[in-house]
Amino acid sequence: MSVNAYLLIQCEVGKAAQVATEVSAIDGVLSAEDVTGPYDVIARAEAGTIDDLGKMVVSQVQLVEGITRTLTCPVVNL
């Protein structure tokens, strides 16, 4: 069973489109779209474990130029 999560991403002004494109190219990211509101990009990601998900966010997603903050929201199946 894999772990799915939504990644809420804040960006520097004018960088949302570039960030969405770069984040969507990361292995494990299923989609990334520009949005309006308090976050600039929302991505959906999948990993084998919660640890793998955390490693992906820290070592790949957060290194994308233009990202200022991320919030990872794991999906729960109630």
Protein backbone atom coordinates (compact mmCIF):
# COMPACT_ATOMS: atom_id res chain seq x y z
CA MET A 1 0.00 0.00 0.00
CA SER A 2 1.40 3.40 -0.96
CA VAL A 3 1.14 6.75 0.79
CA ASN A 4 -0.57 9.60 -1.05
CA ALA A 5 -0.39 13.26 -0.08
CA TYR A 6 -1.26 16.74 -1.21
CA LEU A 7 1.63 19.18 -1.19
CA LEU A 8 0.58 22.78 -0.64
CA ILE A 9 3.30 25.04 -2.00
CA GLN A 10 3.95 28.76 -1.57
CA CYS A 11 6.18 30.44 -4.15
CA GLU A 12 8.00 33.66 -4.85
CA VAL A 13 5.89 36.17 -6.78
CA GLY A 14 5.58 35.22 -10.45
CA LYS A 15 7.11 31.74 -10.04
CA ALA A 16 3.99 29.52 -9.69
CA ALA A 17 3.85 28.30 -13.30
CA GLN A 18 7.56 27.46 -13.36
CA VAL A 19 7.34 25.71 -9.97
CA ALA A 20 4.31 23.65 -11.04
CA THR A 21 6.12 22.51 -14.18
CA GLU A 22 9.30 21.55 -12.32
CA VAL A 23 7.48 19.83 -9.45
CA SER A 24 5.32 17.80 -11.85
CA ALA A 25 8.51 16.35 -13.39
CA ILE A 26 9.66 14.86 -10.06
CA ASP A 27 9.31 11.07 -9.83
CA GLY A 28 6.38 10.30 -7.54
CA VAL A 29 4.50 13.53 -8.20
CA LEU A 30 1.23 12.64 -9.91
CA SER A 31 0.12 16.20 -10.69
CA ALA A 32 0.95 19.82 -9.87
CA GLU A 33 -1.28 22.78 -10.67
CA ASP A 34 -1.24 26.54 -10.14
CA VAL A 35 -4.06 27.72 -7.87
CA THR A 36 -5.20 30.95 -6.26
CA GLY A 37 -5.46 31.59 -2.54
CA PRO A 38 -2.92 31.23 0.26
CA TYR A 39 -0.99 28.58 -1.71
CA ASP A 40 0.31 29.00 -5.25
CA VAL A 41 0.69 25.36 -6.34
CA ILE A 42 -1.01 22.18 -5.14
CA ALA A 43 0.61 18.88 -6.04
CA ARG A 44 -0.46 15.29 -5.47
CA ALA A 45 2.33 12.84 -4.70
CA GLU A 46 2.69 9.13 -4.04
CA ALA A 47 5.46 7.15 -2.29
CA GLY A 48 5.96 3.69 -0.87
CA THR A 49 6.15 4.82 2.77
CA ILE A 50 5.68 8.00 4.79
CA ASP A 51 9.47 8.14 5.15
CA ASP A 52 9.92 7.94 1.38
CA LEU A 53 7.36 10.71 0.97
CA GLY A 54 9.23 12.91 3.45
CA LYS A 55 12.53 12.26 1.71
CA MET A 56 10.99 13.22 -1.65
CA VAL A 57 9.64 16.47 -0.27
CA VAL A 58 12.85 17.47 1.52
CA SER A 59 15.42 16.30 -1.03
CA GLN A 60 13.59 17.12 -4.27
CA VAL A 61 10.47 19.26 -3.99
CA GLN A 62 11.86 21.84 -1.55
CA LEU A 63 14.95 22.30 -3.72
CA VAL A 64 12.91 23.63 -6.66
CA GLU A 65 13.88 27.26 -7.22
CA GLY A 66 11.08 29.66 -6.33
CA ILE A 67 9.50 27.59 -3.55
CA THR A 68 9.38 29.42 -0.22
CA ARG A 69 7.31 27.00 1.90
CA THR A 70 5.60 23.60 1.67
CA LEU A 71 2.92 21.88 3.70
CA THR A 72 2.51 18.12 3.27
CA CYS A 73 -0.98 16.70 3.86
CA PRO A 74 -1.03 12.87 3.80
CA VAL A 75 -4.29 11.31 2.61
CA VAL A 76 -6.07 9.13 5.18
CA ASN A 77 -8.58 6.44 4.32
CA LEU A 78 -11.30 6.50 6.96
